[in-house]
Protein backbone atom coordinates (compact mmCIF):
# COMPACT_ATOMS: atom_id res chain seq x y z
CA MET A 1 77.61 96.30 99.02
CA ALA A 2 80.18 98.05 96.48
CA LYS A 3 79.34 101.79 94.71
CA LYS A 4 81.40 102.07 91.41
CA SER A 5 83.40 104.87 89.57
CA VAL A 6 83.34 104.64 85.82
CA ALA A 7 86.43 107.30 83.97
CA SER A 8 86.34 106.60 80.11
CA LEU A 9 89.99 106.78 78.35
CA GLN A 10 90.71 106.80 74.20
CA THR A 11 94.55 105.26 73.51
CA GLY A 12 94.69 105.66 69.34
CA SER A 13 91.98 103.21 68.44
CA LYS A 14 91.31 102.04 71.44
CA ARG A 15 88.64 103.01 74.05
CA LEU A 16 89.46 101.88 77.56
CA THR A 17 87.67 102.24 80.80
CA LYS A 18 89.25 102.57 84.25
CA ALA A 19 86.65 101.19 86.58
CA ILE A 20 86.63 101.59 90.57
CA LYS A 21 85.11 99.50 92.52
CA MET A 22 85.10 100.14 96.48
CA VAL A 23 84.63 96.05 97.65
CA LYS A 24 84.09 95.19 101.81
CA LYS A 25 87.04 93.60 103.50
CA GLU A 26 85.83 89.93 105.15
CA GLY A 27 86.05 89.73 109.22
CA SER A 28 85.85 93.44 109.68
CA ASN A 29 84.06 96.33 109.00
CA SER A 30 86.23 98.09 106.64
CA TYR A 31 86.77 98.26 102.82
CA SER A 32 89.40 98.90 100.19
CA PHE A 33 88.90 99.48 96.32
CA VAL A 34 89.77 97.70 94.03
CA GLU A 35 90.35 99.34 89.77
CA THR A 36 90.98 97.95 86.67
CA ILE A 37 90.81 99.11 83.33
CA ILE A 38 89.13 97.03 81.03
CA ASN A 39 86.92 96.94 77.94
CA PRO A 40 83.64 99.88 78.59
CA GLU A 41 81.99 96.29 77.77
CA GLN A 42 82.98 94.16 80.38
CA VAL A 43 82.28 96.89 82.99
CA ASN A 44 79.15 95.83 84.41
CA ASP A 45 80.34 92.12 84.49
CA TRP A 46 83.51 93.24 86.38
CA MET A 47 81.29 95.00 88.89
CA SER A 48 79.03 92.45 89.66
CA LYS A 49 81.62 89.71 90.54
CA GLN A 50 83.15 89.75 93.84
């Protein structure tokens, strides 16, 4: 199960999005957070990957 948080950032002429995904660790009941800054068009593809 992954939860997401998305914030949009604008720097100059580029529009970027910071995406944070909560991923369950294999072999335990704990979660970790993975974050990246990418183009807004790529957010759904990145969220669907594990």
